């Protein structure tokens, strides 16, 4: 293409040589521009930000994701069946008593009423001689007893309940010249329980009981005692994910002289299963003028509908210094809470 001017006409080509020349001039200008120190620094900063922005965005997204997961886990734990309002539901979720004597720190609950029936059977088939050795009873002799104890508890305040127990005894003794088939009321008992320390994730629950045994028995007929007695019991309980432990030191003052007694009871529940809990109980008993004994009681607790339970245990005597020894017995408990 030709352009006319004062200096004459000249050809100007817009083909490839033209663009190559323009590219060279642009490159020279760009290099000159970068030689300026402040411009060069700004350029490096912009390039660095462009390269780092995906990494920063990724880290921010990862942190937000972690926070979201933590919150989701917290809400799930709070609302799961294993928790109640953020507190693990296993805390305090064990029965108030075991098979024979061991008790937990749990109370009945305010304005709640419970009833229970315990049936226990003994068969003393060994007798201690003067040297302290046990022998089987002579042929034809027997010494058996069945006990029915009706007990009701009422939660009159938060972490408090009061209880009343009524024992009915059935004797079946035939030892040589002595026969005793007496049946009747034993020593009625009342007690107040206070769960003074609540169980937490790190601390056990602690309760104390104050008992009084009324003088409603009949010592001559082997239906309890003619005198009353006072007893103080401490219950210490701690639950973990699949089991709980319980410990009871006990001391009792009898109105009959030289017949006080002390006990140490302990137990554990395996609570992994929803409806059936295996349990183990240990009982130590010592009474002045009577002797001492150690029993182990394995058993099962079956959770029934409508706040009811069924327990069955097998007391096994490990050691005894009493006049008669029951090597193996049986105990059954029925419980209902309203």
C-alpha atoms as a PDB file:
ATOM      1  CA  UNK A   1       0.000   0.000   0.000  1.00  0.00           C
ATOM      2  CA  UNK A   2       1.329   3.502  -0.920  1.00  0.00           C
ATOM      3  CA  UNK A   3       0.893   6.778   0.997  1.00  0.00           C
ATOM      4  CA  UNK A   4       1.555  10.156  -0.616  1.00  0.00           C
ATOM      5  CA  UNK A   5       3.238  12.924   1.321  1.00  0.00           C
ATOM      6  CA  UNK A   6       5.601  15.898   1.029  1.00  0.00           C
ATOM      7  CA  UNK A   7       8.531  13.622   0.794  1.00  0.00           C
ATOM      8  CA  UNK A   8       6.948  11.548  -1.895  1.00  0.00           C
ATOM      9  CA  UNK A   9       5.241   8.283  -1.646  1.00  0.00           C
ATOM     10  CA  UNK A  10       6.412   5.213   0.340  1.00  0.00           C
ATOM     11  CA  UNK A  11       5.275   1.639   0.816  1.00  0.00           C
ATOM     12  CA  UNK A  12       4.043   0.535   4.254  1.00  0.00           C
ATOM     13  CA  UNK A  13       3.473  -3.194   4.625  1.00  0.00           C
ATOM     14  CA  UNK A  14       1.104  -4.662   7.266  1.00  0.00           C
ATOM     15  CA  UNK A  15       2.261  -8.215   6.681  1.00  0.00           C
ATOM     16  CA  UNK A  16       4.297 -10.441   8.995  1.00  0.00           C
ATOM     17  CA  UNK A  17       7.409  -8.189   9.009  1.00  0.00           C
ATOM     18  CA  UNK A  18       5.288  -5.387  10.461  1.00  0.00           C
ATOM     19  CA  UNK A  19       4.016  -7.483  13.412  1.00  0.00           C
ATOM     20  CA  UNK A  20       7.495  -8.866  14.094  1.00  0.00           C
ATOM     21  CA  UNK A  21       8.808  -5.342  14.401  1.00  0.00           C
ATOM     22  CA  UNK A  22       5.978  -4.306  16.679  1.00  0.00           C
ATOM     23  CA  UNK A  23       6.650  -7.352  18.903  1.00  0.00           C
ATOM     24  CA  UNK A  24      10.301  -6.385  19.253  1.00  0.00           C
ATOM     25  CA  UNK A  25       9.471  -2.813  20.190  1.00  0.00           C
ATOM     26  CA  UNK A  26       6.889  -4.033  22.786  1.00  0.00           C
ATOM     27  CA  UNK A  27       9.451  -6.398  24.320  1.00  0.00           C
ATOM     28  CA  UNK A  28      12.015  -3.620  24.619  1.00  0.00           C
ATOM     29  CA  UNK A  29       9.432  -1.374  26.283  1.00  0.00           C
ATOM     30  CA  UNK A  30       8.403  -4.142  28.728  1.00  0.00           C
ATOM     31  CA  UNK A  31      12.045  -4.796  29.701  1.00  0.00           C
ATOM     32  CA  UNK A  32      12.613  -1.083  30.228  1.00  0.00           C
ATOM     33  CA  UNK A  33       9.483  -0.965  32.367  1.00  0.00           C
ATOM     34  CA  UNK A  34      10.679  -3.828  34.569  1.00  0.00           C
ATOM     35  CA  UNK A  35      14.051  -2.197  35.099  1.00  0.00           C
ATOM     36  CA  UNK A  36      12.307   0.355  37.264  1.00  0.00           C
ATOM     37  CA  UNK A  37      12.871  -1.035  40.827  1.00  0.00           C
ATOM     38  CA  UNK A  38       9.548  -0.126  42.336  1.00  0.00           C
ATOM     39  CA  UNK A  39       7.651  -1.431  39.350  1.00  0.00           C
ATOM     40  CA  UNK A  40       9.659  -4.635  39.465  1.00  0.00           C
ATOM     41  CA  UNK A  41       8.830  -5.129  43.147  1.00  0.00           C
ATOM     42  CA  UNK A  42       5.152  -4.586  42.539  1.00  0.00           C
ATOM     43  CA  UNK A  43       5.195  -7.034  39.695  1.00  0.00           C
ATOM     44  CA  UNK A  44       6.907  -9.693  41.796  1.00  0.00           C
ATOM     45  CA  UNK A  45       4.372  -9.132  44.597  1.00  0.00           C
ATOM     46  CA  UNK A  46       1.410  -9.489  42.237  1.00  0.00           C
ATOM     47  CA  UNK A  47       2.830 -12.670  40.703  1.00  0.00           C
ATOM     48  CA  UNK A  48       3.519 -14.117  44.172  1.00  0.00           C
ATOM     49  CA  UNK A  49      -0.021 -13.389  45.330  1.00  0.00           C
ATOM     50  CA  UNK A  50      -1.429 -14.982  42.202  1.00  0.00           C
ATOM     51  CA  UNK A  51       0.637 -18.119  42.789  1.00  0.00           C
ATOM     52  CA  UNK A  52      -0.107 -18.337  46.532  1.00  0.00           C
ATOM     53  CA  UNK A  53      -3.799 -17.513  46.447  1.00  0.00           C
ATOM     54  CA  UNK A  54      -4.908 -21.095  45.635  1.00  0.00           C
ATOM     55  CA  UNK A  55      -2.791 -22.440  48.520  1.00  0.00           C
ATOM     56  CA  UNK A  56      -4.158 -19.855  50.954  1.00  0.00           C
ATOM     57  CA  UNK A  57      -7.681 -20.574  49.821  1.00  0.00           C
ATOM     58  CA  UNK A  58      -7.075 -24.284  50.268  1.00  0.00           C
ATOM     59  CA  UNK A  59      -5.719 -23.811  53.828  1.00  0.00           C
ATOM     60  CA  UNK A  60      -8.679 -21.619  54.737  1.00  0.00           C
ATOM     61  CA  UNK A  61     -11.078 -24.181  53.343  1.00  0.00           C
ATOM     62  CA  UNK A  62      -9.305 -26.952  55.256  1.00  0.00           C
ATOM     63  CA  UNK A  63      -9.559 -25.016  58.535  1.00  0.00           C
ATOM     64  CA  UNK A  64     -13.231 -24.279  57.935  1.00  0.00           C
ATOM     65  CA  UNK A  65     -13.781 -27.965  57.164  1.00  0.00           C
ATOM     66  CA  UNK A  66     -12.039 -29.003  60.392  1.00  0.00           C
ATOM     67  CA  UNK A  67     -14.142 -26.558  62.439  1.00  0.00           C
ATOM     68  CA  UNK A  68     -17.295 -27.861  60.791  1.00  0.00           C
ATOM     69  CA  UNK A  69     -16.362 -31.469  61.554  1.00  0.00           C
ATOM     70  CA  UNK A  70     -15.588 -30.638  65.185  1.00  0.00           C
ATOM     71  CA  UNK A  71     -18.959 -28.937  65.610  1.00  0.00           C
ATOM     72  CA  UNK A  72     -20.738 -31.839  63.907  1.00  0.00           C
ATOM     73  CA  UNK A  73     -19.056 -34.349  66.231  1.00  0.00           C
ATOM     74  CA  UNK A  74     -19.951 -32.229  69.281  1.00  0.00           C
ATOM     75  CA  UNK A  75     -23.609 -32.020  68.260  1.00  0.00           C
ATOM     76  CA  UNK A  76     -23.721 -35.719  67.480  1.00  0.00           C
ATOM     77  CA  UNK A  77     -22.289 -36.605  70.888  1.00  0.00           C
ATOM     78  CA  UNK A  78     -24.714 -34.222  72.606  1.00  0.00           C
ATOM     79  CA  UNK A  79     -27.771 -35.672  70.889  1.00  0.00           C
ATOM     80  CA  UNK A  80     -26.700 -39.312  70.751  1.00  0.00           C
ATOM     81  CA  UNK A  81     -28.395 -41.995  72.901  1.00  0.00           C
ATOM     82  CA  UNK A  82     -25.222 -42.123  75.019  1.00  0.00           C
ATOM     83  CA  UNK A  83     -25.609 -38.524  76.175  1.00  0.00           C
ATOM     84  CA  UNK A  84     -28.324 -36.349  77.652  1.00  0.00           C
ATOM     85  CA  UNK A  85     -27.925 -32.602  77.324  1.00  0.00           C
ATOM     86  CA  UNK A  86     -24.179 -32.947  76.829  1.00  0.00           C
ATOM     87  CA  UNK A  87     -23.733 -35.170  79.915  1.00  0.00           C
ATOM     88  CA  UNK A  88     -22.855 -38.836  79.255  1.00  0.00           C
ATOM     89  CA  UNK A  89     -25.976 -40.836  80.024  1.00  0.00           C
ATOM     90  CA  UNK A  90     -23.967 -43.700  81.496  1.00  0.00           C
ATOM     91  CA  UNK A  91     -23.294 -41.600  84.611  1.00  0.00           C
ATOM     92  CA  UNK A  92     -25.644 -42.871  87.295  1.00  0.00           C
ATOM     93  CA  UNK A  93     -27.317 -45.321  84.909  1.00  0.00           C
ATOM     94  CA  UNK A  94     -27.111 -48.376  87.129  1.00  0.00           C
ATOM     95  CA  UNK A  95     -29.555 -49.974  89.557  1.00  0.00           C
ATOM     96  CA  UNK A  96     -29.808 -48.882  93.168  1.00  0.00           C
ATOM     97  CA  UNK A  97     -28.828 -52.321  94.458  1.00  0.00           C
ATOM     98  CA  UNK A  98     -27.225 -55.612  93.464  1.00  0.00           C
ATOM     99  CA  UNK A  99     -28.368 -59.139  94.293  1.00  0.00           C
ATOM    100  CA  UNK A 100     -27.876 -59.410  98.066  1.00  0.00           C
ATOM    101  CA  UNK A 101     -26.238 -56.482  99.918  1.00  0.00           C
ATOM    102  CA  UNK A 102     -24.207 -54.180  97.646  1.00  0.00           C
ATOM    103  CA  UNK A 103     -25.788 -50.831  96.811  1.00  0.00           C
ATOM    104  CA  UNK A 104     -24.959 -48.011  94.412  1.00  0.00           C
ATOM    105  CA  UNK A 105     -24.892 -44.251  95.015  1.00  0.00           C
ATOM    106  CA  UNK A 106     -28.078 -43.817  92.972  1.00  0.00           C
ATOM    107  CA  UNK A 107     -31.348 -42.624  94.529  1.00  0.00           C
ATOM    108  CA  UNK A 108     -34.926 -43.222  93.414  1.00  0.00           C
ATOM    109  CA  UNK A 109     -35.393 -39.732  91.910  1.00  0.00           C
ATOM    110  CA  UNK A 110     -37.584 -36.893  93.122  1.00  0.00           C
ATOM    111  CA  UNK A 111     -41.278 -37.838  93.397  1.00  0.00           C
ATOM    112  CA  UNK A 112     -40.513 -41.364  92.151  1.00  0.00           C
ATOM    113  CA  UNK A 113     -41.727 -44.492  93.930  1.00  0.00           C
ATOM    114  CA  UNK A 114     -40.193 -47.949  93.634  1.00  0.00           C
ATOM    115  CA  UNK A 115     -41.117 -51.359  95.011  1.00  0.00           C
ATOM    116  CA  UNK A 116     -38.976 -54.484  95.197  1.00  0.00           C
ATOM    117  CA  UNK A 117     -39.257 -58.075  96.347  1.00  0.00           C
ATOM    118  CA  UNK A 118     -36.152 -60.081  97.254  1.00  0.00           C
ATOM    119  CA  UNK A 119     -36.370 -63.840  97.770  1.00  0.00           C
ATOM    120  CA  UNK A 120     -33.286 -65.592  99.155  1.00  0.00           C
ATOM    121  CA  UNK A 121     -32.700 -69.224 100.093  1.00  0.00           C
ATOM    122  CA  UNK A 122     -29.989 -70.690 102.353  1.00  0.00           C
ATOM    123  CA  UNK A 123     -29.072 -74.302 102.966  1.00  0.00           C
ATOM    124  CA  UNK A 124     -26.434 -74.635 105.690  1.00  0.00           C
ATOM    125  CA  UNK A 125     -25.034 -78.059 104.935  1.00  0.00           C
ATOM    126  CA  UNK A 126     -21.745 -77.782 106.870  1.00  0.00           C
ATOM    127  CA  UNK A 127     -21.131 -77.435 110.605  1.00  0.00           C
ATOM    128  CA  UNK A 128     -17.976 -76.201 112.310  1.00  0.00           C
ATOM    129  CA  UNK A 129     -16.443 -78.369 115.045  1.00  0.00           C
ATOM    130  CA  UNK A 130     -14.435 -77.225 118.067  1.00  0.00           C
ATOM    131  CA  UNK A 131     -11.194 -77.296 116.071  1.00  0.00           C
ATOM    132  CA  UNK A 132     -12.598 -74.937 113.432  1.00  0.00           C
ATOM    133  CA  UNK A 133     -13.079 -77.582 110.747  1.00  0.00           C
ATOM    134  CA  UNK A 134     -16.300 -77.972 108.775  1.00  0.00           C
ATOM    135  CA  UNK A 135     -18.102 -81.285 108.327  1.00  0.00           C
ATOM    136  CA  UNK A 136     -21.322 -82.294 106.620  1.00  0.00           C
ATOM    137  CA  UNK A 137     -24.415 -82.381 108.808  1.00  0.00           C
ATOM    138  CA  UNK A 138     -25.313 -85.783 110.217  1.00  0.00           C
ATOM    139  CA  UNK A 139     -27.708 -87.847 108.167  1.00  0.00           C
ATOM    140  CA  UNK A 140     -31.269 -86.629 108.639  1.00  0.00           C
ATOM    141  CA  UNK A 141     -30.242 -83.167 109.888  1.00  0.00           C
ATOM    142  CA  UNK A 142     -31.031 -80.015 107.934  1.00  0.00           C
ATOM    143  CA  UNK A 143     -30.867 -76.263 108.422  1.00  0.00           C
ATOM    144  CA  UNK A 144     -32.627 -74.155 105.784  1.00  0.00           C
ATOM    145  CA  UNK A 145     -34.167 -70.713 105.626  1.00  0.00           C
ATOM    146  CA  UNK A 146     -36.146 -68.684 103.102  1.00  0.00           C
ATOM    147  CA  UNK A 147     -36.401 -64.900 103.354  1.00  0.00           C
ATOM    148  CA  UNK A 148     -38.870 -62.586 101.612  1.00  0.00           C
ATOM    149  CA  UNK A 149     -38.118 -58.863 101.893  1.00  0.00           C
ATOM    150  CA  UNK A 150     -40.594 -56.275 100.611  1.00  0.00           C
ATOM    151  CA  UNK A 151     -38.965 -52.872 100.184  1.00  0.00           C
ATOM    152  CA  UNK A 152     -40.353 -49.583  98.925  1.00  0.00           C
ATOM    153  CA  UNK A 153     -38.472 -46.326  98.295  1.00  0.00           C
ATOM    154  CA  UNK A 154     -39.768 -42.812  97.725  1.00  0.00           C
ATOM    155  CA  UNK A 155     -37.746 -39.848  96.444  1.00  0.00           C
ATOM    156  CA  UNK A 156     -38.980 -37.068  98.698  1.00  0.00           C
ATOM    157  CA  UNK A 157     -36.353 -34.588  97.435  1.00  0.00           C
ATOM    158  CA  UNK A 158     -33.664 -34.282  94.812  1.00  0.00           C
ATOM    159  CA  UNK A 159     -30.883 -36.797  95.610  1.00  0.00           C
ATOM    160  CA  UNK A 160     -32.789 -38.104  98.658  1.00  0.00           C
ATOM    161  CA  UNK A 161     -35.069 -41.043  99.236  1.00  0.00           C
ATOM    162  CA  UNK A 162     -36.574 -42.782 102.221  1.00  0.00           C
ATOM    163  CA  UNK A 163     -37.111 -46.548 102.328  1.00  0.00           C
ATOM    164  CA  UNK A 164     -39.049 -49.098 104.357  1.00  0.00           C
ATOM    165  CA  UNK A 165     -38.323 -52.829 104.312  1.00  0.00           C
ATOM    166  CA  UNK A 166     -40.412 -55.662 105.740  1.00  0.00           C
ATOM    167  CA  UNK A 167     -38.753 -59.110 106.029  1.00  0.00           C
ATOM    168  CA  UNK A 168     -40.753 -62.306 106.393  1.00  0.00           C
ATOM    169  CA  UNK A 169     -38.743 -65.390 107.414  1.00  0.00           C
ATOM    170  CA  UNK A 170     -39.430 -69.116 106.987  1.00  0.00           C
ATOM    171  CA  UNK A 171     -37.285 -71.473 109.061  1.00  0.00           C
ATOM    172  CA  UNK A 172     -36.774 -75.177 108.404  1.00  0.00           C
ATOM    173  CA  UNK A 173     -34.357 -76.401 111.082  1.00  0.00           C
ATOM    174  CA  UNK A 174     -33.958 -80.012 112.133  1.00  0.00           C
ATOM    175  CA  UNK A 175     -30.630 -80.456 113.901  1.00  0.00           C
ATOM    176  CA  UNK A 176     -30.529 -83.350 116.327  1.00  0.00           C
ATOM    177  CA  UNK A 177     -32.958 -82.653 119.130  1.00  0.00           C
ATOM    178  CA  UNK A 178     -33.874 -79.139 117.868  1.00  0.00           C
ATOM    179  CA  UNK A 179     -36.668 -78.526 115.390  1.00  0.00           C
ATOM    180  CA  UNK A 180     -37.694 -75.042 114.307  1.00  0.00           C
ATOM    181  CA  UNK A 181     -40.334 -74.405 111.670  1.00  0.00           C
ATOM    182  CA  UNK A 182     -41.081 -70.845 112.763  1.00  0.00           C
ATOM    183  CA  UNK A 183     -42.471 -68.368 110.277  1.00  0.00           C
ATOM    184  CA  UNK A 184     -43.010 -64.706 110.860  1.00  0.00           C
ATOM    185  CA  UNK A 185     -41.848 -61.135 110.784  1.00  0.00           C
ATOM    186  CA  UNK A 186     -38.187 -60.217 111.142  1.00  0.00           C
ATOM    187  CA  UNK A 187     -36.707 -56.809 111.946  1.00  0.00           C
ATOM    188  CA  UNK A 188     -38.450 -54.104 109.919  1.00  0.00           C
ATOM    189  CA  UNK A 189     -35.977 -51.466 108.763  1.00  0.00           C
ATOM    190  CA  UNK A 190     -36.197 -47.849 107.628  1.00  0.00           C
ATOM    191  CA  UNK A 191     -33.435 -45.746 106.133  1.00  0.00           C
ATOM    192  CA  UNK A 192     -32.765 -42.388 104.531  1.00  0.00           C
ATOM    193  CA  UNK A 193     -30.339 -42.115 101.621  1.00  0.00           C
ATOM    194  CA  UNK A 194     -28.540 -38.963 100.493  1.00  0.00           C
ATOM    195  CA  UNK A 195     -26.535 -38.798  97.275  1.00  0.00           C
ATOM    196  CA  UNK A 196     -24.318 -35.970  98.508  1.00  0.00           C
ATOM    197  CA  UNK A 197     -21.708 -36.048  95.687  1.00  0.00           C
ATOM    198  CA  UNK A 198     -22.863 -36.336  92.087  1.00  0.00           C
ATOM    199  CA  UNK A 199     -20.909 -38.549  89.718  1.00  0.00           C
ATOM    200  CA  UNK A 200     -18.910 -36.820  86.961  1.00  0.00           C
ATOM    201  CA  UNK A 201     -16.603 -37.963  84.168  1.00  0.00           C
ATOM    202  CA  UNK A 202     -13.665 -37.980  86.587  1.00  0.00           C
ATOM    203  CA  UNK A 203     -15.238 -38.304  90.046  1.00  0.00           C
ATOM    204  CA  UNK A 204     -17.397 -41.087  91.523  1.00  0.00           C
ATOM    205  CA  UNK A 205     -20.798 -40.534  93.028  1.00  0.00           C
ATOM    206  CA  UNK A 206     -21.015 -40.830  96.820  1.00  0.00           C
ATOM    207  CA  UNK A 207     -24.078 -41.479  98.975  1.00  0.00           C
ATOM    208  CA  UNK A 208     -24.688 -42.204 102.648  1.00  0.00           C
ATOM    209  CA  UNK A 209     -27.503 -44.197 104.287  1.00  0.00           C
ATOM    210  CA  UNK A 210     -28.753 -43.980 107.871  1.00  0.00           C
ATOM    211  CA  UNK A 211     -30.614 -47.136 108.928  1.00  0.00           C
ATOM    212  CA  UNK A 212     -32.660 -48.199 111.904  1.00  0.00           C
ATOM    213  CA  UNK A 213     -33.807 -51.774 112.498  1.00  0.00           C
ATOM    214  CA  UNK A 214     -36.955 -51.904 114.593  1.00  0.00           C
ATOM    215  CA  UNK A 215     -37.110 -54.495 117.426  1.00  0.00           C
ATOM    216  CA  UNK A 216     -39.859 -56.452 115.667  1.00  0.00           C
ATOM    217  CA  UNK A 217     -38.028 -59.784 115.496  1.00  0.00           C
ATOM    218  CA  UNK A 218     -38.086 -62.788 117.813  1.00  0.00           C
ATOM    219  CA  UNK A 219     -34.678 -64.066 118.830  1.00  0.00           C
ATOM    220  CA  UNK A 220     -35.998 -67.192 120.544  1.00  0.00           C
ATOM    221  CA  UNK A 221     -37.693 -68.349 117.327  1.00  0.00           C
ATOM    222  CA  UNK A 222     -34.727 -67.314 115.135  1.00  0.00           C
ATOM    223  CA  UNK A 223     -36.790 -64.632 113.432  1.00  0.00           C
ATOM    224  CA  UNK A 224     -34.395 -61.724 113.745  1.00  0.00           C
ATOM    225  CA  UNK A 225     -33.580 -59.933 116.980  1.00  0.00           C
ATOM    226  CA  UNK A 226     -35.593 -58.671 119.944  1.00  0.00           C
ATOM    227  CA  UNK A 227     -33.476 -55.502 119.972  1.00  0.00           C
ATOM    228  CA  UNK A 228     -33.079 -52.664 117.529  1.00  0.00           C
ATOM    229  CA  UNK A 229     -29.925 -51.658 115.663  1.00  0.00           C
ATOM    230  CA  UNK A 230     -28.436 -48.639 113.897  1.00  0.00           C
ATOM    231  CA  UNK A 231     -26.394 -48.770 110.722  1.00  0.00           C
ATOM    232  CA  UNK A 232     -24.525 -46.302 108.545  1.00  0.00           C
ATOM    233  CA  UNK A 233     -23.610 -47.183 104.976  1.00  0.00           C
ATOM    234  CA  UNK A 234     -21.511 -45.388 102.381  1.00  0.00           C
ATOM    235  CA  UNK A 235     -21.986 -46.031  98.665  1.00  0.00           C
ATOM    236  CA  UNK A 236     -19.285 -45.090  96.166  1.00  0.00           C
ATOM    237  CA  UNK A 237     -20.103 -45.620  92.475  1.00  0.00           C
ATOM    238  CA  UNK A 238     -18.321 -44.911  89.185  1.00  0.00           C
ATOM    239  CA  UNK A 239     -19.437 -45.781  85.652  1.00  0.00           C
ATOM    240  CA  UNK A 240     -17.379 -46.087  82.491  1.00  0.00           C
ATOM    241  CA  UNK A 241     -18.411 -46.937  78.941  1.00  0.00           C
ATOM    242  CA  UNK A 242     -19.115 -50.659  79.398  1.00  0.00           C
ATOM    243  CA  UNK A 243     -18.959 -51.282  83.157  1.00  0.00           C
ATOM    244  CA  UNK A 244     -19.414 -49.733  86.583  1.00  0.00           C
ATOM    245  CA  UNK A 245     -17.822 -50.297  89.994  1.00  0.00           C
ATOM    246  CA  UNK A 246     -19.433 -49.925  93.426  1.00  0.00           C
ATOM    247  CA  UNK A 247     -18.043 -50.061  96.972  1.00  0.00           C
ATOM    248  CA  UNK A 248     -19.824 -50.011 100.370  1.00  0.00           C
ATOM    249  CA  UNK A 249     -18.136 -49.814 103.789  1.00  0.00           C
ATOM    250  CA  UNK A 250     -20.697 -50.410 106.563  1.00  0.00           C
ATOM    251  CA  UNK A 251     -20.818 -50.343 110.342  1.00  0.00           C
ATOM    252  CA  UNK A 252     -23.757 -51.192 112.637  1.00  0.00           C
ATOM    253  CA  UNK A 253     -24.432 -50.706 116.350  1.00  0.00           C
ATOM    254  CA  UNK A 254     -26.707 -53.289 117.900  1.00  0.00           C
ATOM    255  CA  UNK A 255     -28.741 -52.556 121.015  1.00  0.00           C
ATOM    256  CA  UNK A 256     -27.851 -56.083 122.106  1.00  0.00           C
ATOM    257  CA  UNK A 257     -24.499 -55.849 123.954  1.00  0.00           C
ATOM    258  CA  UNK A 258     -21.370 -57.170 122.202  1.00  0.00           C
ATOM    259  CA  UNK A 259     -23.103 -57.860 118.903  1.00  0.00           C
ATOM    260  CA  UNK A 260     -22.104 -54.993 116.623  1.00  0.00           C
ATOM    261  CA  UNK A 261     -21.211 -55.875 113.047  1.00  0.00           C
ATOM    262  CA  UNK A 262     -19.331 -54.490 110.086  1.00  0.00           C
ATOM    263  CA  UNK A 263     -19.505 -55.216 106.380  1.00  0.00           C
ATOM    264  CA  UNK A 264     -17.612 -54.509 103.174  1.00  0.00           C
ATOM    265  CA  UNK A 265     -19.659 -54.952 100.025  1.00  0.00           C
ATOM    266  CA  UNK A 266     -18.574 -54.348  96.444  1.00  0.00           C
ATOM    267  CA  UNK A 267     -19.838 -55.090  92.958  1.00  0.00           C
ATOM    268  CA  UNK A 268     -19.456 -54.517  89.240  1.00  0.00           C
ATOM    269  CA  UNK A 269     -21.878 -54.425  86.312  1.00  0.00           C
ATOM    270  CA  UNK A 270     -20.951 -55.136  82.693  1.00  0.00           C
ATOM    271  CA  UNK A 271     -23.266 -52.753  80.838  1.00  0.00           C
ATOM    272  CA  UNK A 272     -22.371 -53.262  77.169  1.00  0.00           C
ATOM    273  CA  UNK A 273     -25.650 -55.011  76.347  1.00  0.00           C
ATOM    274  CA  UNK A 274     -28.926 -53.110  76.246  1.00  0.00           C
ATOM    275  CA  UNK A 275     -31.186 -55.506  78.174  1.00  0.00           C
ATOM    276  CA  UNK A 276     -28.965 -58.079  79.910  1.00  0.00           C
ATOM    277  CA  UNK A 277     -26.233 -57.069  82.353  1.00  0.00           C
ATOM    278  CA  UNK A 278     -23.905 -59.649  83.924  1.00  0.00           C
ATOM    279  CA  UNK A 279     -22.834 -58.673  87.420  1.00  0.00           C
ATOM    280  CA  UNK A 280     -20.558 -59.794  90.241  1.00  0.00           C
ATOM    281  CA  UNK A 281     -20.937 -58.988  93.925  1.00  0.00           C
ATOM    282  CA  UNK A 282     -18.615 -59.488  96.891  1.00  0.00           C
ATOM    283  CA  UNK A 283     -19.808 -59.496 100.526  1.00  0.00           C
ATOM    284  CA  UNK A 284     -17.733 -59.514 103.696  1.00  0.00           C
ATOM    285  CA  UNK A 285     -19.579 -59.823 107.007  1.00  0.00           C
ATOM    286  CA  UNK A 286     -18.256 -59.842 110.565  1.00  0.00           C
ATOM    287  CA  UNK A 287     -20.310 -59.843 113.751  1.00  0.00           C
ATOM    288  CA  UNK A 288     -19.113 -59.936 117.333  1.00  0.00           C
ATOM    289  CA  UNK A 289     -19.688 -63.327 118.899  1.00  0.00           C
ATOM    290  CA  UNK A 290     -20.927 -64.786 115.615  1.00  0.00           C
ATOM    291  CA  UNK A 291     -18.008 -65.019 113.185  1.00  0.00           C
ATOM    292  CA  UNK A 292     -17.204 -63.787 109.723  1.00  0.00           C
ATOM    293  CA  UNK A 293     -17.810 -64.848 106.132  1.00  0.00           C
ATOM    294  CA  UNK A 294     -16.767 -63.993 102.574  1.00  0.00           C
ATOM    295  CA  UNK A 295     -19.254 -64.501  99.733  1.00  0.00           C
ATOM    296  CA  UNK A 296     -19.042 -64.082  95.968  1.00  0.00           C
ATOM    297  CA  UNK A 297     -22.318 -63.599  94.068  1.00  0.00           C
ATOM    298  CA  UNK A 298     -22.316 -63.906  90.255  1.00  0.00           C
ATOM    299  CA  UNK A 299     -25.612 -63.082  88.588  1.00  0.00           C
ATOM    300  CA  UNK A 300     -27.615 -61.448  85.819  1.00  0.00           C
ATOM    301  CA  UNK A 301     -29.874 -58.402  85.556  1.00  0.00           C
ATOM    302  CA  UNK A 302     -32.598 -58.452  82.919  1.00  0.00           C
ATOM    303  CA  UNK A 303     -34.228 -55.134  81.996  1.00  0.00           C
ATOM    304  CA  UNK A 304     -37.967 -55.568  81.513  1.00  0.00           C
ATOM    305  CA  UNK A 305     -40.454 -53.088  80.005  1.00  0.00           C
ATOM    306  CA  UNK A 306     -42.033 -50.282  82.052  1.00  0.00           C
ATOM    307  CA  UNK A 307     -39.060 -49.536  84.345  1.00  0.00           C
ATOM    308  CA  UNK A 308     -38.907 -53.078  85.706  1.00  0.00           C
ATOM    309  CA  UNK A 309     -35.966 -55.413  86.266  1.00  0.00           C
ATOM    310  CA  UNK A 310     -35.384 -59.042  87.191  1.00  0.00           C
ATOM    311  CA  UNK A 311     -32.205 -60.135  88.966  1.00  0.00           C
ATOM    312  CA  UNK A 312     -30.956 -63.603  89.800  1.00  0.00           C
ATOM    313  CA  UNK A 313     -27.758 -64.441  91.667  1.00  0.00           C
ATOM    314  CA  UNK A 314     -25.940 -67.376  93.197  1.00  0.00           C
ATOM    315  CA  UNK A 315     -24.212 -66.610  96.538  1.00  0.00           C
ATOM    316  CA  UNK A 316     -21.087 -68.761  96.879  1.00  0.00           C
ATOM    317  CA  UNK A 317     -19.363 -68.888 100.259  1.00  0.00           C
ATOM    318  CA  UNK A 318     -15.587 -68.547  99.948  1.00  0.00           C
ATOM    319  CA  UNK A 319     -14.643 -68.690 103.630  1.00  0.00           C
ATOM    320  CA  UNK A 320     -16.446 -68.730 106.977  1.00  0.00           C
ATOM    321  CA  UNK A 321     -15.846 -68.973 110.718  1.00  0.00           C
ATOM    322  CA  UNK A 322     -19.542 -69.153 111.660  1.00  0.00           C
ATOM    323  CA  UNK A 323     -21.112 -72.207 113.307  1.00  0.00           C
ATOM    324  CA  UNK A 324     -22.902 -73.238 110.114  1.00  0.00           C
ATOM    325  CA  UNK A 325     -21.871 -72.709 106.516  1.00  0.00           C
ATOM    326  CA  UNK A 326     -24.038 -72.404 103.416  1.00  0.00           C
ATOM    327  CA  UNK A 327     -21.799 -73.211 100.470  1.00  0.00           C
ATOM    328  CA  UNK A 328     -24.228 -72.230  97.687  1.00  0.00           C
ATOM    329  CA  UNK A 329     -27.529 -70.347  97.792  1.00  0.00           C
ATOM    330  CA  UNK A 330     -29.851 -68.529  95.422  1.00  0.00           C
ATOM    331  CA  UNK A 331     -31.384 -65.046  95.366  1.00  0.00           C
ATOM    332  CA  UNK A 332     -34.041 -63.509  93.103  1.00  0.00           C
ATOM    333  CA  UNK A 333     -35.125 -59.843  92.988  1.00  0.00           C
ATOM    334  CA  UNK A 334     -38.052 -58.189  91.231  1.00  0.00           C
ATOM    335  CA  UNK A 335     -38.097 -54.397  90.900  1.00  0.00           C
ATOM    336  CA  UNK A 336     -40.560 -51.828  89.582  1.00  0.00           C
ATOM    337  CA  UNK A 337     -40.328 -48.021  89.484  1.00  0.00           C
ATOM    338  CA  UNK A 338     -43.296 -45.680  89.116  1.00  0.00           C
END
